[in-house]
Amino acid sequence: MEPYELTLVEKLAENDAEVKQLRDEHALFDKQLQLLESKSYLNPQEEQEVRTLKKQKLDRKTRLMEAISAHK
């Protein structure tokens, strides 16, 4: 996300529990991805987990962008 979008998400999260939850989940998925992707080798189960986490992270980002659009 762009810096101005992150600022809007933070502002919206102060008053909107759903946006706060989406933001927190997005950050959690990002941290989990970073941990997995820092490994030099991923077994097939970890590769599947990476794909799943990327989909979940993208879903949260999409929903956050929708929330930003709705509040404009």
PDB file of N, CA and C in Angstrom:
ATOM      1  N   MET A   1       0.835  -1.177   0.000  1.00  0.00           N
ATOM      2  CA  MET A   1       0.000   0.000   0.000  1.00  0.00           C
ATOM      3  C   MET A   1       0.881   1.242   0.000  1.00  0.00           C
ATOM      4  N   GLU A   2       0.318   2.277  -0.541  1.00  0.00           N
ATOM      5  CA  GLU A   2       1.015   3.555  -0.578  1.00  0.00           C
ATOM      6  C   GLU A   2       0.995   4.183   0.820  1.00  0.00           C
ATOM      7  N   PRO A   3       1.956   5.064   1.108  1.00  0.00           N
ATOM      8  CA  PRO A   3       2.000   5.686   2.439  1.00  0.00           C
ATOM      9  C   PRO A   3       0.704   6.411   2.823  1.00  0.00           C
ATOM     10  N   TYR A   4       0.082   7.106   1.873  1.00  0.00           N
ATOM     11  CA  TYR A   4      -1.148   7.815   2.203  1.00  0.00           C
ATOM     12  C   TYR A   4      -2.281   6.833   2.502  1.00  0.00           C
ATOM     13  N   GLU A   5      -2.255   5.665   1.853  1.00  0.00           N
ATOM     14  CA  GLU A   5      -3.264   4.646   2.130  1.00  0.00           C
ATOM     15  C   GLU A   5      -3.064   4.050   3.519  1.00  0.00           C
ATOM     16  N   LEU A   6      -1.817   3.855   3.902  1.00  0.00           N
ATOM     17  CA  LEU A   6      -1.524   3.355   5.238  1.00  0.00           C
ATOM     18  C   LEU A   6      -1.997   4.338   6.300  1.00  0.00           C
ATOM     19  N   THR A   7      -1.812   5.616   6.025  1.00  0.00           N
ATOM     20  CA  THR A   7      -2.272   6.656   6.951  1.00  0.00           C
ATOM     21  C   THR A   7      -3.791   6.611   7.087  1.00  0.00           C
ATOM     22  N   LEU A   8      -4.487   6.460   5.973  1.00  0.00           N
ATOM     23  CA  LEU A   8      -5.950   6.367   6.014  1.00  0.00           C
ATOM     24  C   LEU A   8      -6.404   5.131   6.769  1.00  0.00           C
ATOM     25  N   VAL A   9      -5.752   4.015   6.558  1.00  0.00           N
ATOM     26  CA  VAL A   9      -6.107   2.781   7.265  1.00  0.00           C
ATOM     27  C   VAL A   9      -5.931   2.975   8.765  1.00  0.00           C
ATOM     28  N   GLU A  10      -4.828   3.578   9.170  1.00  0.00           N
ATOM     29  CA  GLU A  10      -4.589   3.817  10.595  1.00  0.00           C
ATOM     30  C   GLU A  10      -5.678   4.711  11.186  1.00  0.00           C
ATOM     31  N   LYS A  11      -6.052   5.744  10.439  1.00  0.00           N
ATOM     32  CA  LYS A  11      -7.085   6.665  10.917  1.00  0.00           C
ATOM     33  C   LYS A  11      -8.432   5.954  11.006  1.00  0.00           C
ATOM     34  N   LEU A  12      -8.769   5.161  10.002  1.00  0.00           N
ATOM     35  CA  LEU A  12     -10.032   4.421  10.011  1.00  0.00           C
ATOM     36  C   LEU A  12     -10.058   3.360  11.114  1.00  0.00           C
ATOM     37  N   ALA A  13      -8.917   2.751  11.381  1.00  0.00           N
ATOM     38  CA  ALA A  13      -8.839   1.682  12.385  1.00  0.00           C
ATOM     39  C   ALA A  13      -9.138   2.197  13.792  1.00  0.00           C
ATOM     40  N   GLU A  14      -8.917   3.476  14.014  1.00  0.00           N
ATOM     41  CA  GLU A  14      -9.197   4.051  15.330  1.00  0.00           C
ATOM     42  C   GLU A  14     -10.673   3.945  15.693  1.00  0.00           C
ATOM     43  N   ASN A  15     -11.554   4.031  14.674  1.00  0.00           N
ATOM     44  CA  ASN A  15     -12.997   4.065  14.937  1.00  0.00           C
ATOM     45  C   ASN A  15     -13.760   2.897  14.334  1.00  0.00           C
ATOM     46  N   ASP A  16     -13.091   2.036  13.601  1.00  0.00           N
ATOM     47  CA  ASP A  16     -13.773   0.947  12.905  1.00  0.00           C
ATOM     48  C   ASP A  16     -13.099  -0.378  13.257  1.00  0.00           C
ATOM     49  N   ALA A  17     -13.806  -1.204  14.021  1.00  0.00           N
ATOM     50  CA  ALA A  17     -13.241  -2.471  14.491  1.00  0.00           C
ATOM     51  C   ALA A  17     -12.908  -3.412  13.333  1.00  0.00           C
ATOM     52  N   GLU A  18     -13.733  -3.407  12.294  1.00  0.00           N
ATOM     53  CA  GLU A  18     -13.473  -4.292  11.156  1.00  0.00           C
ATOM     54  C   GLU A  18     -12.181  -3.896  10.445  1.00  0.00           C
ATOM     55  N   VAL A  19     -11.986  -2.610  10.230  1.00  0.00           N
ATOM     56  CA  VAL A  19     -10.762  -2.130   9.575  1.00  0.00           C
ATOM     57  C   VAL A  19      -9.552  -2.465  10.448  1.00  0.00           C
ATOM     58  N   LYS A  20      -9.692  -2.289  11.755  1.00  0.00           N
ATOM     59  CA  LYS A  20      -8.599  -2.628  12.669  1.00  0.00           C
ATOM     60  C   LYS A  20      -8.254  -4.111  12.560  1.00  0.00           C
ATOM     61  N   GLN A  21      -9.268  -4.964  12.532  1.00  0.00           N
ATOM     62  CA  GLN A  21      -9.033  -6.403  12.424  1.00  0.00           C
ATOM     63  C   GLN A  21      -8.368  -6.748  11.093  1.00  0.00           C
ATOM     64  N   LEU A  22      -8.851  -6.161  10.004  1.00  0.00           N
ATOM     65  CA  LEU A  22      -8.255  -6.412   8.686  1.00  0.00           C
ATOM     66  C   LEU A  22      -6.794  -5.974   8.658  1.00  0.00           C
ATOM     67  N   ARG A  23      -6.521  -4.813   9.222  1.00  0.00           N
ATOM     68  CA  ARG A  23      -5.146  -4.291   9.274  1.00  0.00           C
ATOM     69  C   ARG A  23      -4.245  -5.237  10.062  1.00  0.00           C
ATOM     70  N   ASP A  24      -4.742  -5.687  11.217  1.00  0.00           N
ATOM     71  CA  ASP A  24      -3.958  -6.573  12.069  1.00  0.00           C
ATOM     72  C   ASP A  24      -3.706  -7.924  11.389  1.00  0.00           C
ATOM     73  N   GLU A  25      -4.718  -8.463  10.727  1.00  0.00           N
ATOM     74  CA  GLU A  25      -4.552  -9.736  10.026  1.00  0.00           C
ATOM     75  C   GLU A  25      -3.563  -9.598   8.875  1.00  0.00           C
ATOM     76  N   HIS A  26      -3.662  -8.500   8.135  1.00  0.00           N
ATOM     77  CA  HIS A  26      -2.751  -8.247   7.021  1.00  0.00           C
ATOM     78  C   HIS A  26      -1.313  -8.212   7.537  1.00  0.00           C
ATOM     79  N   ALA A  27      -1.090  -7.524   8.640  1.00  0.00           N
ATOM     80  CA  ALA A  27       0.252  -7.429   9.219  1.00  0.00           C
ATOM     81  C   ALA A  27       0.744  -8.794   9.707  1.00  0.00           C
ATOM     82  N   LEU A  28      -0.145  -9.566  10.316  1.00  0.00           N
ATOM     83  CA  LEU A  28       0.220 -10.899  10.794  1.00  0.00           C
ATOM     84  C   LEU A  28       0.625 -11.806   9.637  1.00  0.00           C
ATOM     85  N   PHE A  29      -0.169 -11.799   8.562  1.00  0.00           N
ATOM     86  CA  PHE A  29       0.153 -12.619   7.394  1.00  0.00           C
ATOM     87  C   PHE A  29       1.486 -12.185   6.790  1.00  0.00           C
ATOM     88  N   ASP A  30       1.741 -10.889   6.781  1.00  0.00           N
ATOM     89  CA  ASP A  30       2.999 -10.374   6.239  1.00  0.00           C
ATOM     90  C   ASP A  30       4.181 -10.893   7.061  1.00  0.00           C
ATOM     91  N   LYS A  31       4.071 -10.864   8.376  1.00  0.00           N
ATOM     92  CA  LYS A  31       5.152 -11.360   9.233  1.00  0.00           C
ATOM     93  C   LYS A  31       5.375 -12.851   9.018  1.00  0.00           C
ATOM     94  N   GLN A  32       4.298 -13.610   8.924  1.00  0.00           N
ATOM     95  CA  GLN A  32       4.419 -15.048   8.709  1.00  0.00           C
ATOM     96  C   GLN A  32       5.091 -15.336   7.368  1.00  0.00           C
ATOM     97  N   LEU A  33       4.721 -14.573   6.340  1.00  0.00           N
ATOM     98  CA  LEU A  33       5.346 -14.739   5.018  1.00  0.00           C
ATOM     99  C   LEU A  33       6.833 -14.423   5.072  1.00  0.00           C
ATOM    100  N   GLN A  34       7.189 -13.361   5.755  1.00  0.00           N
ATOM    101  CA  GLN A  34       8.592 -12.985   5.855  1.00  0.00           C
ATOM    102  C   GLN A  34       9.403 -14.092   6.515  1.00  0.00           C
ATOM    103  N   LEU A  35       8.849 -14.696   7.559  1.00  0.00           N
ATOM    104  CA  LEU A  35       9.551 -15.791   8.233  1.00  0.00           C
ATOM    105  C   LEU A  35       9.758 -16.974   7.298  1.00  0.00           C
ATOM    106  N   LEU A  36       8.715 -17.345   6.587  1.00  0.00           N
ATOM    107  CA  LEU A  36       8.826 -18.475   5.677  1.00  0.00           C
ATOM    108  C   LEU A  36       9.770 -18.172   4.521  1.00  0.00           C
ATOM    109  N   GLU A  37       9.649 -16.989   3.951  1.00  0.00           N
ATOM    110  CA  GLU A  37      10.449 -16.642   2.788  1.00  0.00           C
ATOM    111  C   GLU A  37      11.917 -16.402   3.135  1.00  0.00           C
ATOM    112  N   SER A  38      12.224 -16.254   4.416  1.00  0.00           N
ATOM    113  CA  SER A  38      13.616 -16.070   4.813  1.00  0.00           C
ATOM    114  C   SER A  38      14.370 -17.397   4.860  1.00  0.00           C
ATOM    115  N   LYS A  39      13.630 -18.490   4.801  1.00  0.00           N
ATOM    116  CA  LYS A  39      14.269 -19.807   4.806  1.00  0.00           C
ATOM    117  C   LYS A  39      14.939 -20.066   3.457  1.00  0.00           C
ATOM    118  N   SER A  40      16.024 -20.799   3.500  1.00  0.00           N
ATOM    119  CA  SER A  40      16.725 -21.105   2.254  1.00  0.00           C
ATOM    120  C   SER A  40      16.037 -22.228   1.479  1.00  0.00           C
ATOM    121  N   TYR A  41      15.244 -23.034   2.189  1.00  0.00           N
ATOM    122  CA  TYR A  41      14.529 -24.132   1.535  1.00  0.00           C
ATOM    123  C   TYR A  41      13.154 -24.275   2.171  1.00  0.00           C
ATOM    124  N   LEU A  42      12.143 -24.448   1.312  1.00  0.00           N
ATOM    125  CA  LEU A  42      10.790 -24.684   1.796  1.00  0.00           C
ATOM    126  C   LEU A  42      10.348 -26.077   1.363  1.00  0.00           C
ATOM    127  N   ASN A  43       9.813 -26.823   2.305  1.00  0.00           N
ATOM    128  CA  ASN A  43       9.265 -28.121   1.931  1.00  0.00           C
ATOM    129  C   ASN A  43       7.904 -27.893   1.266  1.00  0.00           C
ATOM    130  N   PRO A  44       7.329 -28.895   0.658  1.00  0.00           N
ATOM    131  CA  PRO A  44       6.051 -28.702  -0.052  1.00  0.00           C
ATOM    132  C   PRO A  44       4.932 -28.125   0.825  1.00  0.00           C
ATOM    133  N   GLN A  45       4.888 -28.531   2.079  1.00  0.00           N
ATOM    134  CA  GLN A  45       3.861 -27.996   2.985  1.00  0.00           C
ATOM    135  C   GLN A  45       4.076 -26.500   3.216  1.00  0.00           C
ATOM    136  N   GLU A  46       5.321 -26.088   3.383  1.00  0.00           N
ATOM    137  CA  GLU A  46       5.620 -24.670   3.582  1.00  0.00           C
ATOM    138  C   GLU A  46       5.332 -23.866   2.315  1.00  0.00           C
ATOM    139  N   GLU A  47       5.612 -24.447   1.153  1.00  0.00           N
ATOM    140  CA  GLU A  47       5.293 -23.770  -0.105  1.00  0.00           C
ATOM    141  C   GLU A  47       3.788 -23.539  -0.230  1.00  0.00           C
ATOM    142  N   GLN A  48       3.000 -24.528   0.175  1.00  0.00           N
ATOM    143  CA  GLN A  48       1.544 -24.383   0.151  1.00  0.00           C
ATOM    144  C   GLN A  48       1.109 -23.316   1.144  1.00  0.00           C
ATOM    145  N   GLU A  49       1.747 -23.282   2.301  1.00  0.00           N
ATOM    146  CA  GLU A  49       1.420 -22.269   3.307  1.00  0.00           C
ATOM    147  C   GLU A  49       1.722 -20.865   2.783  1.00  0.00           C
ATOM    148  N   VAL A  50       2.829 -20.715   2.051  1.00  0.00           N
ATOM    149  CA  VAL A  50       3.170 -19.420   1.458  1.00  0.00           C
ATOM    150  C   VAL A  50       2.071 -18.991   0.489  1.00  0.00           C
ATOM    151  N   ARG A  51       1.635 -19.902  -0.366  1.00  0.00           N
ATOM    152  CA  ARG A  51       0.575 -19.568  -1.330  1.00  0.00           C
ATOM    153  C   ARG A  51      -0.708 -19.163  -0.601  1.00  0.00           C
ATOM    154  N   THR A  52      -1.059 -19.900   0.438  1.00  0.00           N
ATOM    155  CA  THR A  52      -2.273 -19.597   1.202  1.00  0.00           C
ATOM    156  C   THR A  52      -2.162 -18.242   1.893  1.00  0.00           C
ATOM    157  N   LEU A  53      -1.022 -17.987   2.518  1.00  0.00           N
ATOM    158  CA  LEU A  53      -0.821 -16.710   3.205  1.00  0.00           C
ATOM    159  C   LEU A  53      -0.878 -15.536   2.230  1.00  0.00           C
ATOM    160  N   LYS A  54      -0.303 -15.708   1.044  1.00  0.00           N
ATOM    161  CA  LYS A  54      -0.340 -14.631   0.046  1.00  0.00           C
ATOM    162  C   LYS A  54      -1.774 -14.330  -0.376  1.00  0.00           C
ATOM    163  N   LYS A  55      -2.581 -15.372  -0.532  1.00  0.00           N
ATOM    164  CA  LYS A  55      -3.981 -15.173  -0.903  1.00  0.00           C
ATOM    165  C   LYS A  55      -4.735 -14.464   0.211  1.00  0.00           C
ATOM    166  N   GLN A  56      -4.492 -14.886   1.460  1.00  0.00           N
ATOM    167  CA  GLN A  56      -5.175 -14.265   2.587  1.00  0.00           C
ATOM    168  C   GLN A  56      -4.748 -12.808   2.751  1.00  0.00           C
ATOM    169  N   LYS A  57      -3.467 -12.551   2.583  1.00  0.00           N
ATOM    170  CA  LYS A  57      -2.949 -11.186   2.693  1.00  0.00           C
ATOM    171  C   LYS A  57      -3.557 -10.294   1.617  1.00  0.00           C
ATOM    172  N   LEU A  58      -3.626 -10.806   0.386  1.00  0.00           N
ATOM    173  CA  LEU A  58      -4.222 -10.046  -0.707  1.00  0.00           C
ATOM    174  C   LEU A  58      -5.697  -9.779  -0.446  1.00  0.00           C
ATOM    175  N   ASP A  59      -6.397 -10.766   0.086  1.00  0.00           N
ATOM    176  CA  ASP A  59      -7.815 -10.583   0.416  1.00  0.00           C
ATOM    177  C   ASP A  59      -7.992  -9.454   1.428  1.00  0.00           C
ATOM    178  N   ARG A  60      -7.150  -9.443   2.461  1.00  0.00           N
ATOM    179  CA  ARG A  60      -7.259  -8.386   3.476  1.00  0.00           C
ATOM    180  C   ARG A  60      -6.939  -7.022   2.880  1.00  0.00           C
ATOM    181  N   LYS A  61      -5.934  -6.968   2.006  1.00  0.00           N
ATOM    182  CA  LYS A  61      -5.583  -5.699   1.372  1.00  0.00           C
ATOM    183  C   LYS A  61      -6.742  -5.201   0.509  1.00  0.00           C
ATOM    184  N   THR A  62      -7.356  -6.105  -0.241  1.00  0.00           N
ATOM    185  CA  THR A  62      -8.492  -5.733  -1.086  1.00  0.00           C
ATOM    186  C   THR A  62      -9.623  -5.173  -0.234  1.00  0.00           C
ATOM    187  N   ARG A  63      -9.901  -5.843   0.870  1.00  0.00           N
ATOM    188  CA  ARG A  63     -10.983  -5.384   1.752  1.00  0.00           C
ATOM    189  C   ARG A  63     -10.635  -4.054   2.415  1.00  0.00           C
ATOM    190  N   LEU A  64      -9.368  -3.848   2.738  1.00  0.00           N
ATOM    191  CA  LEU A  64      -8.949  -2.552   3.289  1.00  0.00           C
ATOM    192  C   LEU A  64      -9.104  -1.447   2.250  1.00  0.00           C
ATOM    193  N   MET A  65      -8.742  -1.743   1.007  1.00  0.00           N
ATOM    194  CA  MET A  65      -8.888  -0.744  -0.057  1.00  0.00           C
ATOM    195  C   MET A  65     -10.358  -0.411  -0.284  1.00  0.00           C
ATOM    196  N   GLU A  66     -11.222  -1.402  -0.165  1.00  0.00           N
ATOM    197  CA  GLU A  66     -12.675  -1.166  -0.281  1.00  0.00           C
ATOM    198  C   GLU A  66     -13.150  -0.274   0.854  1.00  0.00           C
ATOM    199  N   ALA A  67     -12.633  -0.489   2.052  1.00  0.00           N
ATOM    200  CA  ALA A  67     -13.011   0.340   3.199  1.00  0.00           C
ATOM    201  C   ALA A  67     -12.549   1.776   2.992  1.00  0.00           C
ATOM    202  N   ILE A  68     -11.348   1.950   2.433  1.00  0.00           N
ATOM    203  CA  ILE A  68     -10.853   3.293   2.145  1.00  0.00           C
ATOM    204  C   ILE A  68     -11.762   3.977   1.134  1.00  0.00           C
ATOM    205  N   SER A  69     -12.119   3.252   0.077  1.00  0.00           N
ATOM    206  CA  SER A  69     -12.994   3.828  -0.954  1.00  0.00           C
ATOM    207  C   SER A  69     -14.351   4.193  -0.387  1.00  0.00           C
ATOM    208  N   ALA A  70     -14.872   3.372   0.502  1.00  0.00           N
ATOM    209  CA  ALA A  70     -16.188   3.634   1.084  1.00  0.00           C
ATOM    210  C   ALA A  70     -16.183   4.859   1.986  1.00  0.00           C
ATOM    211  N   HIS A  71     -15.053   5.167   2.590  1.00  0.00           N
ATOM    212  CA  HIS A  71     -14.975   6.296   3.520  1.00  0.00           C
ATOM    213  C   HIS A  71     -14.546   7.594   2.861  1.00  0.00           C
ATOM    214  N   LYS A  72     -14.261   7.556   1.573  1.00  0.00           N
ATOM    215  CA  LYS A  72     -13.855   8.796   0.880  1.00  0.00           C
ATOM    216  C   LYS A  72     -15.044   9.665   0.586  1.00  0.00           C
TER     217      LYS A  72
END
